[in-house]
């Protein structure tokens, strides 16, 4: 798809824009409200926008153990059955296919190590798994869609696992969160009608969840292939990874046009970074810039070619 300027502006803005009305988006982008509404409906109809998921601080729910697992199956033909079983888990945020050393990636959230170990024990009993690689994050951050170069309208980064104490939620808050997790742009009046409450109460509850930073914001889930872009990740081990070195890598990730996410973990390898790219040359350039930044600090790395999500649920335990 050849992106026009209006498309680039809207995609860039919408990627990290939470519940803003079309009139506000139009004002920020210097477009008409009709242009914004027409194009958003067109993107949805054409499947360019798949959904509007909401992002949350999991620690407020008592979930502080964020893990990614890379899975190699005994037989590639077993992928669909494995995905079908996996999506029944209350811990699975997303699962998707990969090309290369591993067949699938899984992002999961747990309350603690004990809950994770119980999940892992069950997973290890699966007779179709050849190999697993586990990444337990101590830091993970998601970034705006910067590569479109259409203006830095929304530079908010999402750090999805904080250190807050678990909070209690009432029934109305739970139902609002369930509605938001799949469609962060649901209208206030629709929330009120579905829950049989007043719009005033719905607004009060929603603002409270936002102000307490339980709701971090949202991202648009695009069909990146239709846009002509791909995801790839680099899994690397950085020697003597100090806090100063981490800060340098964070600054790179936050400013680099093609970086989508960054994570650190205590095991070896100890860092993961995900990039968007349209061509292999763009990916090679991004990897070259990363290598120039870290010089001889990287003692091993592996490039992972990532397909899009087969399943996505930002609140699987609700």
C-alpha atoms as a PDB file:
ATOM      1  CA  UNK A   1       0.000   0.000   0.000  1.00  0.00           C
ATOM      2  CA  UNK A   2       1.316   3.426  -0.963  1.00  0.00           C
ATOM      3  CA  UNK A   3       0.803   5.698   2.034  1.00  0.00           C
ATOM      4  CA  UNK A   4      -0.369   9.236   1.420  1.00  0.00           C
ATOM      5  CA  UNK A   5       0.516  12.041   3.808  1.00  0.00           C
ATOM      6  CA  UNK A   6      -2.911  11.890   5.471  1.00  0.00           C
ATOM      7  CA  UNK A   7      -2.433   8.149   6.038  1.00  0.00           C
ATOM      8  CA  UNK A   8       1.023   8.645   7.532  1.00  0.00           C
ATOM      9  CA  UNK A   9      -0.272  11.353   9.860  1.00  0.00           C
ATOM     10  CA  UNK A  10      -3.230   9.292  11.037  1.00  0.00           C
ATOM     11  CA  UNK A  11      -1.323   6.014  11.482  1.00  0.00           C
ATOM     12  CA  UNK A  12       1.422   7.781  13.424  1.00  0.00           C
ATOM     13  CA  UNK A  13      -1.030   9.606  15.680  1.00  0.00           C
ATOM     14  CA  UNK A  14      -3.500   6.777  16.244  1.00  0.00           C
ATOM     15  CA  UNK A  15      -0.854   4.237  17.199  1.00  0.00           C
ATOM     16  CA  UNK A  16      -0.603   5.654  20.719  1.00  0.00           C
ATOM     17  CA  UNK A  17      -3.694   7.831  21.016  1.00  0.00           C
ATOM     18  CA  UNK A  18      -6.212   6.867  23.706  1.00  0.00           C
ATOM     19  CA  UNK A  19      -9.935   7.593  23.223  1.00  0.00           C
ATOM     20  CA  UNK A  20      -9.481  10.959  21.545  1.00  0.00           C
ATOM     21  CA  UNK A  21     -12.502  12.143  19.542  1.00  0.00           C
ATOM     22  CA  UNK A  22     -12.178  12.697  15.805  1.00  0.00           C
ATOM     23  CA  UNK A  23     -12.447  16.474  16.291  1.00  0.00           C
ATOM     24  CA  UNK A  24      -9.376  16.537  18.569  1.00  0.00           C
ATOM     25  CA  UNK A  25      -7.390  14.268  16.248  1.00  0.00           C
ATOM     26  CA  UNK A  26      -8.343  16.494  13.318  1.00  0.00           C
ATOM     27  CA  UNK A  27      -7.185  19.617  15.148  1.00  0.00           C
ATOM     28  CA  UNK A  28      -3.854  18.057  16.116  1.00  0.00           C
ATOM     29  CA  UNK A  29      -3.185  16.893  12.555  1.00  0.00           C
ATOM     30  CA  UNK A  30      -4.626  19.960  10.813  1.00  0.00           C
ATOM     31  CA  UNK A  31      -7.192  17.836   9.004  1.00  0.00           C
ATOM     32  CA  UNK A  32     -10.962  18.080   8.862  1.00  0.00           C
ATOM     33  CA  UNK A  33     -13.092  15.935  11.162  1.00  0.00           C
ATOM     34  CA  UNK A  34     -14.703  14.413   8.050  1.00  0.00           C
ATOM     35  CA  UNK A  35     -11.267  13.387   6.734  1.00  0.00           C
ATOM     36  CA  UNK A  36     -10.413  11.693  10.029  1.00  0.00           C
ATOM     37  CA  UNK A  37     -13.732   9.834  10.348  1.00  0.00           C
ATOM     38  CA  UNK A  38     -13.791   8.774   6.678  1.00  0.00           C
ATOM     39  CA  UNK A  39     -10.238   7.428   6.697  1.00  0.00           C
ATOM     40  CA  UNK A  40     -10.599   5.584   9.998  1.00  0.00           C
ATOM     41  CA  UNK A  41     -13.723   3.804   8.704  1.00  0.00           C
ATOM     42  CA  UNK A  42     -11.885   3.016   5.465  1.00  0.00           C
ATOM     43  CA  UNK A  43      -8.909   1.526   7.367  1.00  0.00           C
ATOM     44  CA  UNK A  44     -11.245  -0.642   9.435  1.00  0.00           C
ATOM     45  CA  UNK A  45     -13.226  -1.796   6.376  1.00  0.00           C
ATOM     46  CA  UNK A  46     -10.046  -2.693   4.464  1.00  0.00           C
ATOM     47  CA  UNK A  47      -8.618  -4.563   7.458  1.00  0.00           C
ATOM     48  CA  UNK A  48      -5.681  -2.190   7.902  1.00  0.00           C
ATOM     49  CA  UNK A  49      -6.857  -1.562  11.461  1.00  0.00           C
ATOM     50  CA  UNK A  50      -7.635  -4.876  13.162  1.00  0.00           C
ATOM     51  CA  UNK A  51      -8.528  -3.597  16.638  1.00  0.00           C
ATOM     52  CA  UNK A  52      -7.871  -0.895  19.220  1.00  0.00           C
ATOM     53  CA  UNK A  53      -6.406  -2.735  22.218  1.00  0.00           C
ATOM     54  CA  UNK A  54      -5.968  -0.997  25.541  1.00  0.00           C
ATOM     55  CA  UNK A  55      -2.785  -1.256  27.634  1.00  0.00           C
ATOM     56  CA  UNK A  56      -2.674  -1.543  31.412  1.00  0.00           C
ATOM     57  CA  UNK A  57      -0.233  -1.509  34.307  1.00  0.00           C
ATOM     58  CA  UNK A  58      -0.401  -5.171  35.264  1.00  0.00           C
ATOM     59  CA  UNK A  59       1.089  -4.608  38.700  1.00  0.00           C
ATOM     60  CA  UNK A  60      -2.168  -2.858  39.728  1.00  0.00           C
ATOM     61  CA  UNK A  61      -3.886  -6.230  39.219  1.00  0.00           C
ATOM     62  CA  UNK A  62      -1.227  -8.095  41.202  1.00  0.00           C
ATOM     63  CA  UNK A  63       0.560  -9.371  38.083  1.00  0.00           C
ATOM     64  CA  UNK A  64       4.280  -8.561  38.117  1.00  0.00           C
ATOM     65  CA  UNK A  65       5.880 -11.461  36.272  1.00  0.00           C
ATOM     66  CA  UNK A  66       6.075 -10.735  32.521  1.00  0.00           C
ATOM     67  CA  UNK A  67       7.586 -13.456  30.344  1.00  0.00           C
ATOM     68  CA  UNK A  68       8.142 -14.134  26.652  1.00  0.00           C
ATOM     69  CA  UNK A  69       8.602 -17.713  25.478  1.00  0.00           C
ATOM     70  CA  UNK A  70       9.967 -18.747  22.101  1.00  0.00           C
ATOM     71  CA  UNK A  71       8.743 -22.185  21.033  1.00  0.00           C
ATOM     72  CA  UNK A  72      10.201 -24.694  18.601  1.00  0.00           C
ATOM     73  CA  UNK A  73       7.775 -27.496  17.757  1.00  0.00           C
ATOM     74  CA  UNK A  74       8.601 -31.046  16.733  1.00  0.00           C
ATOM     75  CA  UNK A  75       6.592 -30.558  13.558  1.00  0.00           C
ATOM     76  CA  UNK A  76       5.691 -27.256  11.884  1.00  0.00           C
ATOM     77  CA  UNK A  77       2.236 -28.651  11.025  1.00  0.00           C
ATOM     78  CA  UNK A  78       1.393 -28.703  14.752  1.00  0.00           C
ATOM     79  CA  UNK A  79       1.381 -24.890  15.068  1.00  0.00           C
ATOM     80  CA  UNK A  80      -2.357 -24.323  14.675  1.00  0.00           C
ATOM     81  CA  UNK A  81      -3.247 -26.954  17.288  1.00  0.00           C
ATOM     82  CA  UNK A  82      -0.682 -25.506  19.692  1.00  0.00           C
ATOM     83  CA  UNK A  83      -2.115 -21.998  19.228  1.00  0.00           C
ATOM     84  CA  UNK A  84      -5.659 -23.287  19.750  1.00  0.00           C
ATOM     85  CA  UNK A  85      -4.653 -24.854  23.081  1.00  0.00           C
ATOM     86  CA  UNK A  86      -2.605 -21.857  24.206  1.00  0.00           C
ATOM     87  CA  UNK A  87      -5.308 -19.213  23.790  1.00  0.00           C
ATOM     88  CA  UNK A  88      -7.346 -20.864  26.541  1.00  0.00           C
ATOM     89  CA  UNK A  89      -4.789 -19.713  29.117  1.00  0.00           C
ATOM     90  CA  UNK A  90      -5.648 -16.849  31.472  1.00  0.00           C
ATOM     91  CA  UNK A  91      -1.997 -15.763  31.263  1.00  0.00           C
ATOM     92  CA  UNK A  92      -1.531 -15.426  27.494  1.00  0.00           C
ATOM     93  CA  UNK A  93      -1.386 -11.862  26.168  1.00  0.00           C
ATOM     94  CA  UNK A  94      -0.430 -12.756  22.617  1.00  0.00           C
ATOM     95  CA  UNK A  95       0.931 -15.535  20.430  1.00  0.00           C
ATOM     96  CA  UNK A  96       2.262 -15.380  16.899  1.00  0.00           C
ATOM     97  CA  UNK A  97       4.296 -17.229  14.308  1.00  0.00           C
ATOM     98  CA  UNK A  98       8.000 -16.785  13.594  1.00  0.00           C
ATOM     99  CA  UNK A  99      10.352 -17.771  10.804  1.00  0.00           C
ATOM    100  CA  UNK A 100      13.735 -19.224  11.678  1.00  0.00           C
ATOM    101  CA  UNK A 101      15.078 -20.955  14.751  1.00  0.00           C
ATOM    102  CA  UNK A 102      11.701 -20.832  16.559  1.00  0.00           C
ATOM    103  CA  UNK A 103       8.157 -21.334  15.294  1.00  0.00           C
ATOM    104  CA  UNK A 104       6.138 -19.267  17.784  1.00  0.00           C
ATOM    105  CA  UNK A 105       6.479 -16.476  20.312  1.00  0.00           C
ATOM    106  CA  UNK A 106       4.257 -16.055  23.352  1.00  0.00           C
ATOM    107  CA  UNK A 107       3.896 -13.076  25.706  1.00  0.00           C
ATOM    108  CA  UNK A 108       2.485 -14.042  29.102  1.00  0.00           C
ATOM    109  CA  UNK A 109       1.776 -12.345  32.418  1.00  0.00           C
ATOM    110  CA  UNK A 110       1.758 -14.051  35.835  1.00  0.00           C
ATOM    111  CA  UNK A 111       1.269 -13.014  39.431  1.00  0.00           C
ATOM    112  CA  UNK A 112       4.569 -14.495  40.541  1.00  0.00           C
ATOM    113  CA  UNK A 113       7.252 -17.060  39.797  1.00  0.00           C
ATOM    114  CA  UNK A 114       5.245 -19.866  41.390  1.00  0.00           C
ATOM    115  CA  UNK A 115       2.323 -19.332  39.009  1.00  0.00           C
ATOM    116  CA  UNK A 116       4.736 -19.195  36.084  1.00  0.00           C
ATOM    117  CA  UNK A 117       6.451 -22.433  37.121  1.00  0.00           C
ATOM    118  CA  UNK A 118       3.089 -24.224  37.275  1.00  0.00           C
ATOM    119  CA  UNK A 119       2.348 -23.012  33.747  1.00  0.00           C
ATOM    120  CA  UNK A 120       5.812 -24.088  32.574  1.00  0.00           C
ATOM    121  CA  UNK A 121       5.395 -27.559  34.090  1.00  0.00           C
ATOM    122  CA  UNK A 122       2.196 -28.043  32.081  1.00  0.00           C
ATOM    123  CA  UNK A 123       3.849 -26.673  28.960  1.00  0.00           C
ATOM    124  CA  UNK A 124       6.770 -29.073  29.287  1.00  0.00           C
ATOM    125  CA  UNK A 125       4.330 -31.977  29.288  1.00  0.00           C
ATOM    126  CA  UNK A 126       3.282 -31.090  25.739  1.00  0.00           C
ATOM    127  CA  UNK A 127       4.745 -33.806  23.532  1.00  0.00           C
ATOM    128  CA  UNK A 128       4.898 -31.591  20.431  1.00  0.00           C
ATOM    129  CA  UNK A 129       7.513 -29.163  21.836  1.00  0.00           C
ATOM    130  CA  UNK A 130      11.121 -29.576  20.715  1.00  0.00           C
ATOM    131  CA  UNK A 131      12.661 -26.554  22.470  1.00  0.00           C
ATOM    132  CA  UNK A 132      11.754 -23.488  24.560  1.00  0.00           C
ATOM    133  CA  UNK A 133      13.582 -20.246  25.197  1.00  0.00           C
ATOM    134  CA  UNK A 134      12.312 -18.200  28.163  1.00  0.00           C
ATOM    135  CA  UNK A 135      12.781 -14.449  28.605  1.00  0.00           C
ATOM    136  CA  UNK A 136      11.810 -13.109  32.048  1.00  0.00           C
ATOM    137  CA  UNK A 137      11.706  -9.330  31.740  1.00  0.00           C
ATOM    138  CA  UNK A 138      12.851  -6.947  34.444  1.00  0.00           C
ATOM    139  CA  UNK A 139      12.167  -4.023  32.087  1.00  0.00           C
ATOM    140  CA  UNK A 140      10.006  -3.711  28.986  1.00  0.00           C
ATOM    141  CA  UNK A 141       8.858  -0.641  27.098  1.00  0.00           C
ATOM    142  CA  UNK A 142       6.675  -0.014  24.025  1.00  0.00           C
ATOM    143  CA  UNK A 143       7.219   2.940  21.689  1.00  0.00           C
ATOM    144  CA  UNK A 144       5.221   5.183  19.353  1.00  0.00           C
ATOM    145  CA  UNK A 145       5.094   4.580  15.607  1.00  0.00           C
ATOM    146  CA  UNK A 146       8.007   6.836  14.659  1.00  0.00           C
ATOM    147  CA  UNK A 147       9.164   5.587  11.273  1.00  0.00           C
ATOM    148  CA  UNK A 148       6.347   7.255   9.310  1.00  0.00           C
ATOM    149  CA  UNK A 149       8.043  10.615   9.958  1.00  0.00           C
ATOM    150  CA  UNK A 150       4.691  12.371  10.081  1.00  0.00           C
ATOM    151  CA  UNK A 151       5.245  14.413  13.225  1.00  0.00           C
ATOM    152  CA  UNK A 152       5.890  13.508  16.850  1.00  0.00           C
ATOM    153  CA  UNK A 153       2.314  13.902  17.997  1.00  0.00           C
ATOM    154  CA  UNK A 154       2.316  11.374  20.773  1.00  0.00           C
ATOM    155  CA  UNK A 155       5.662  10.373  22.248  1.00  0.00           C
ATOM    156  CA  UNK A 156       4.378   8.396  25.209  1.00  0.00           C
ATOM    157  CA  UNK A 157       6.206   5.145  26.004  1.00  0.00           C
ATOM    158  CA  UNK A 158       4.438   2.332  27.864  1.00  0.00           C
ATOM    159  CA  UNK A 159       6.170   0.543  30.719  1.00  0.00           C
ATOM    160  CA  UNK A 160       3.614  -2.199  31.311  1.00  0.00           C
ATOM    161  CA  UNK A 161       4.920  -3.851  34.497  1.00  0.00           C
ATOM    162  CA  UNK A 162       5.350  -1.412  37.362  1.00  0.00           C
ATOM    163  CA  UNK A 163       5.915  -1.841  41.075  1.00  0.00           C
ATOM    164  CA  UNK A 164       2.527  -0.727  42.392  1.00  0.00           C
ATOM    165  CA  UNK A 165       0.586  -2.635  45.024  1.00  0.00           C
ATOM    166  CA  UNK A 166      -2.400  -4.668  43.927  1.00  0.00           C
ATOM    167  CA  UNK A 167      -5.601  -2.641  43.804  1.00  0.00           C
ATOM    168  CA  UNK A 168      -9.147  -3.841  44.393  1.00  0.00           C
ATOM    169  CA  UNK A 169     -11.674  -3.219  41.614  1.00  0.00           C
ATOM    170  CA  UNK A 170     -15.431  -2.997  41.908  1.00  0.00           C
ATOM    171  CA  UNK A 171     -17.753  -4.754  39.474  1.00  0.00           C
ATOM    172  CA  UNK A 172     -18.372  -1.653  37.343  1.00  0.00           C
ATOM    173  CA  UNK A 173     -14.628  -1.024  36.933  1.00  0.00           C
ATOM    174  CA  UNK A 174     -14.057  -4.640  35.921  1.00  0.00           C
ATOM    175  CA  UNK A 175     -16.774  -4.455  33.275  1.00  0.00           C
ATOM    176  CA  UNK A 176     -15.377  -1.162  31.920  1.00  0.00           C
ATOM    177  CA  UNK A 177     -11.906  -2.715  31.667  1.00  0.00           C
ATOM    178  CA  UNK A 178     -13.332  -5.731  29.827  1.00  0.00           C
ATOM    179  CA  UNK A 179     -14.962  -3.443  27.282  1.00  0.00           C
ATOM    180  CA  UNK A 180     -11.819  -1.373  26.821  1.00  0.00           C
ATOM    181  CA  UNK A 181      -9.324  -4.209  26.416  1.00  0.00           C
ATOM    182  CA  UNK A 182     -10.579  -5.036  22.919  1.00  0.00           C
ATOM    183  CA  UNK A 183     -11.799  -1.620  21.853  1.00  0.00           C
ATOM    184  CA  UNK A 184     -10.179   1.344  23.543  1.00  0.00           C
ATOM    185  CA  UNK A 185     -12.181   3.686  21.312  1.00  0.00           C
ATOM    186  CA  UNK A 186     -15.599   2.479  22.473  1.00  0.00           C
ATOM    187  CA  UNK A 187     -17.865   5.479  23.019  1.00  0.00           C
ATOM    188  CA  UNK A 188     -18.746   6.600  26.512  1.00  0.00           C
ATOM    189  CA  UNK A 189     -22.468   6.322  25.759  1.00  0.00           C
ATOM    190  CA  UNK A 190     -21.962   2.722  24.620  1.00  0.00           C
ATOM    191  CA  UNK A 191     -20.115   1.879  27.842  1.00  0.00           C
ATOM    192  CA  UNK A 192     -22.985   3.356  29.843  1.00  0.00           C
ATOM    193  CA  UNK A 193     -25.645   1.511  27.829  1.00  0.00           C
ATOM    194  CA  UNK A 194     -23.886  -1.861  27.946  1.00  0.00           C
ATOM    195  CA  UNK A 195     -23.407  -1.619  31.724  1.00  0.00           C
ATOM    196  CA  UNK A 196     -26.804   0.006  32.378  1.00  0.00           C
ATOM    197  CA  UNK A 197     -25.231   2.946  34.226  1.00  0.00           C
ATOM    198  CA  UNK A 198     -25.334   6.704  33.689  1.00  0.00           C
ATOM    199  CA  UNK A 199     -22.853   8.402  31.367  1.00  0.00           C
ATOM    200  CA  UNK A 200     -21.718  10.497  34.333  1.00  0.00           C
ATOM    201  CA  UNK A 201     -20.816   7.395  36.341  1.00  0.00           C
ATOM    202  CA  UNK A 202     -19.102   5.795  33.336  1.00  0.00           C
ATOM    203  CA  UNK A 203     -17.012   8.958  32.806  1.00  0.00           C
ATOM    204  CA  UNK A 204     -16.122   9.182  36.514  1.00  0.00           C
ATOM    205  CA  UNK A 205     -14.983   5.550  36.627  1.00  0.00           C
ATOM    206  CA  UNK A 206     -13.046   5.863  33.383  1.00  0.00           C
ATOM    207  CA  UNK A 207     -11.215   9.020  34.486  1.00  0.00           C
ATOM    208  CA  UNK A 208     -10.373   7.408  37.807  1.00  0.00           C
ATOM    209  CA  UNK A 209      -8.808   4.406  36.059  1.00  0.00           C
ATOM    210  CA  UNK A 210      -6.817   6.728  33.810  1.00  0.00           C
ATOM    211  CA  UNK A 211      -5.686   9.057  36.612  1.00  0.00           C
ATOM    212  CA  UNK A 212      -4.488   6.129  38.711  1.00  0.00           C
ATOM    213  CA  UNK A 213      -2.543   4.952  35.634  1.00  0.00           C
ATOM    214  CA  UNK A 214      -4.276   1.591  35.628  1.00  0.00           C
ATOM    215  CA  UNK A 215      -5.099   2.401  32.020  1.00  0.00           C
ATOM    216  CA  UNK A 216      -1.835   3.381  30.337  1.00  0.00           C
ATOM    217  CA  UNK A 217      -3.321   4.112  26.940  1.00  0.00           C
ATOM    218  CA  UNK A 218      -3.801   2.225  23.714  1.00  0.00           C
ATOM    219  CA  UNK A 219      -2.242   1.275  20.422  1.00  0.00           C
ATOM    220  CA  UNK A 220      -3.831   0.527  17.104  1.00  0.00           C
ATOM    221  CA  UNK A 221      -3.267  -3.050  15.975  1.00  0.00           C
ATOM    222  CA  UNK A 222      -2.480  -2.573  12.284  1.00  0.00           C
ATOM    223  CA  UNK A 223      -2.144  -5.261   9.655  1.00  0.00           C
ATOM    224  CA  UNK A 224       1.490  -4.321   9.018  1.00  0.00           C
ATOM    225  CA  UNK A 225       1.827  -6.614   6.001  1.00  0.00           C
ATOM    226  CA  UNK A 226      -0.928  -4.686   4.214  1.00  0.00           C
ATOM    227  CA  UNK A 227       1.039  -1.531   4.972  1.00  0.00           C
ATOM    228  CA  UNK A 228       4.130  -3.190   3.504  1.00  0.00           C
ATOM    229  CA  UNK A 229       6.059  -3.440   6.788  1.00  0.00           C
ATOM    230  CA  UNK A 230       7.415  -6.344   8.814  1.00  0.00           C
ATOM    231  CA  UNK A 231       8.535  -7.002  12.391  1.00  0.00           C
ATOM    232  CA  UNK A 232      11.919  -8.421  13.286  1.00  0.00           C
ATOM    233  CA  UNK A 233      13.595  -8.776  16.656  1.00  0.00           C
ATOM    234  CA  UNK A 234      17.183  -9.044  17.775  1.00  0.00           C
ATOM    235  CA  UNK A 235      17.972 -11.179  20.798  1.00  0.00           C
ATOM    236  CA  UNK A 236      21.412 -10.281  22.107  1.00  0.00           C
ATOM    237  CA  UNK A 237      23.746 -10.695  25.016  1.00  0.00           C
ATOM    238  CA  UNK A 238      25.561  -7.545  26.102  1.00  0.00           C
ATOM    239  CA  UNK A 239      28.714  -8.050  28.140  1.00  0.00           C
ATOM    240  CA  UNK A 240      28.817  -6.371  31.560  1.00  0.00           C
ATOM    241  CA  UNK A 241      25.377  -4.808  31.119  1.00  0.00           C
ATOM    242  CA  UNK A 242      25.519  -1.920  33.576  1.00  0.00           C
ATOM    243  CA  UNK A 243      22.795   0.607  34.400  1.00  0.00           C
ATOM    244  CA  UNK A 244      24.667   3.208  32.343  1.00  0.00           C
ATOM    245  CA  UNK A 245      24.704   0.839  29.389  1.00  0.00           C
ATOM    246  CA  UNK A 246      20.967   0.192  29.806  1.00  0.00           C
ATOM    247  CA  UNK A 247      20.245   3.928  29.794  1.00  0.00           C
ATOM    248  CA  UNK A 248      22.251   4.332  26.593  1.00  0.00           C
ATOM    249  CA  UNK A 249      20.249   1.541  24.937  1.00  0.00           C
ATOM    250  CA  UNK A 250      16.957   3.055  26.171  1.00  0.00           C
ATOM    251  CA  UNK A 251      17.872   6.430  24.652  1.00  0.00           C
ATOM    252  CA  UNK A 252      18.661   4.719  21.359  1.00  0.00           C
ATOM    253  CA  UNK A 253      15.374   2.776  21.364  1.00  0.00           C
ATOM    254  CA  UNK A 254      13.272   5.817  22.280  1.00  0.00           C
ATOM    255  CA  UNK A 255      14.752   7.954  19.506  1.00  0.00           C
ATOM    256  CA  UNK A 256      15.308   5.399  16.753  1.00  0.00           C
ATOM    257  CA  UNK A 257      12.663   5.680  14.034  1.00  0.00           C
ATOM    258  CA  UNK A 258      12.086   1.948  13.574  1.00  0.00           C
ATOM    259  CA  UNK A 259      12.215   0.636  17.155  1.00  0.00           C
ATOM    260  CA  UNK A 260       8.935  -0.844  18.401  1.00  0.00           C
ATOM    261  CA  UNK A 261       9.903  -2.324  21.780  1.00  0.00           C
ATOM    262  CA  UNK A 262      12.788  -2.984  24.150  1.00  0.00           C
ATOM    263  CA  UNK A 263      13.263  -5.475  26.960  1.00  0.00           C
ATOM    264  CA  UNK A 264      15.960  -6.460  29.443  1.00  0.00           C
ATOM    265  CA  UNK A 265      16.193  -9.680  31.425  1.00  0.00           C
ATOM    266  CA  UNK A 266      18.635 -11.253  33.861  1.00  0.00           C
ATOM    267  CA  UNK A 267      19.361 -14.409  31.862  1.00  0.00           C
ATOM    268  CA  UNK A 268      21.718 -14.787  28.934  1.00  0.00           C
ATOM    269  CA  UNK A 269      21.048 -13.331  26.379  1.00  0.00           C
ATOM    270  CA  UNK A 270      19.950 -10.272  28.310  1.00  0.00           C
ATOM    271  CA  UNK A 271      18.343  -7.860  25.831  1.00  0.00           C
ATOM    272  CA  UNK A 272      15.647  -7.932  23.162  1.00  0.00           C
ATOM    273  CA  UNK A 273      14.790  -5.156  20.721  1.00  0.00           C
ATOM    274  CA  UNK A 274      12.104  -5.201  18.037  1.00  0.00           C
ATOM    275  CA  UNK A 275      12.212  -3.237  14.790  1.00  0.00           C
ATOM    276  CA  UNK A 276       9.831  -2.365  11.977  1.00  0.00           C
ATOM    277  CA  UNK A 277      11.229  -2.530   8.460  1.00  0.00           C
ATOM    278  CA  UNK A 278       9.985  -2.448   4.907  1.00  0.00           C
ATOM    279  CA  UNK A 279      13.023  -4.091   3.352  1.00  0.00           C
ATOM    280  CA  UNK A 280      15.931  -6.216   4.535  1.00  0.00           C
ATOM    281  CA  UNK A 281      18.172  -3.254   3.815  1.00  0.00           C
ATOM    282  CA  UNK A 282      16.242  -1.128   6.332  1.00  0.00           C
ATOM    283  CA  UNK A 283      16.608  -3.882   8.919  1.00  0.00           C
ATOM    284  CA  UNK A 284      20.340  -4.250   8.209  1.00  0.00           C
ATOM    285  CA  UNK A 285      20.757  -0.497   8.654  1.00  0.00           C
ATOM    286  CA  UNK A 286      18.961  -0.535  12.022  1.00  0.00           C
ATOM    287  CA  UNK A 287      21.060  -3.480  13.211  1.00  0.00           C
ATOM    288  CA  UNK A 288      24.204  -1.729  12.014  1.00  0.00           C
ATOM    289  CA  UNK A 289      23.325   1.392  14.010  1.00  0.00           C
ATOM    290  CA  UNK A 290      22.715  -0.736  17.087  1.00  0.00           C
ATOM    291  CA  UNK A 291      26.025  -2.516  16.633  1.00  0.00           C
ATOM    292  CA  UNK A 292      27.836   0.821  16.201  1.00  0.00           C
ATOM    293  CA  UNK A 293      26.274   2.026  19.462  1.00  0.00           C
ATOM    294  CA  UNK A 294      27.391  -1.000  21.462  1.00  0.00           C
ATOM    295  CA  UNK A 295      30.599  -1.774  19.510  1.00  0.00           C
ATOM    296  CA  UNK A 296      32.285  -4.856  20.995  1.00  0.00           C
ATOM    297  CA  UNK A 297      29.824  -5.148  23.917  1.00  0.00           C
ATOM    298  CA  UNK A 298      27.626  -7.656  22.030  1.00  0.00           C
ATOM    299  CA  UNK A 299      29.098 -11.137  22.334  1.00  0.00           C
ATOM    300  CA  UNK A 300      26.171 -12.948  20.658  1.00  0.00           C
ATOM    301  CA  UNK A 301      22.960 -12.109  18.861  1.00  0.00           C
ATOM    302  CA  UNK A 302      20.200 -13.751  16.904  1.00  0.00           C
ATOM    303  CA  UNK A 303      17.787 -12.059  14.486  1.00  0.00           C
ATOM    304  CA  UNK A 304      14.182 -13.308  14.737  1.00  0.00           C
ATOM    305  CA  UNK A 305      11.724 -12.818  11.885  1.00  0.00           C
ATOM    306  CA  UNK A 306       8.308 -12.280  13.436  1.00  0.00           C
ATOM    307  CA  UNK A 307       4.905 -12.809  11.874  1.00  0.00           C
ATOM    308  CA  UNK A 308       1.849 -10.911  13.151  1.00  0.00           C
ATOM    309  CA  UNK A 309      -0.176 -11.938  16.188  1.00  0.00           C
ATOM    310  CA  UNK A 310      -2.504 -14.914  15.885  1.00  0.00           C
ATOM    311  CA  UNK A 311      -4.164 -13.927  19.172  1.00  0.00           C
ATOM    312  CA  UNK A 312      -4.070 -10.742  21.241  1.00  0.00           C
ATOM    313  CA  UNK A 313      -5.687 -10.027  24.626  1.00  0.00           C
ATOM    314  CA  UNK A 314      -4.242  -7.403  26.963  1.00  0.00           C
ATOM    315  CA  UNK A 315      -6.296  -8.563  29.978  1.00  0.00           C
ATOM    316  CA  UNK A 316      -6.428 -12.357  29.682  1.00  0.00           C
ATOM    317  CA  UNK A 317      -7.064 -12.933  33.389  1.00  0.00           C
ATOM    318  CA  UNK A 318     -10.281 -10.867  33.563  1.00  0.00           C
END
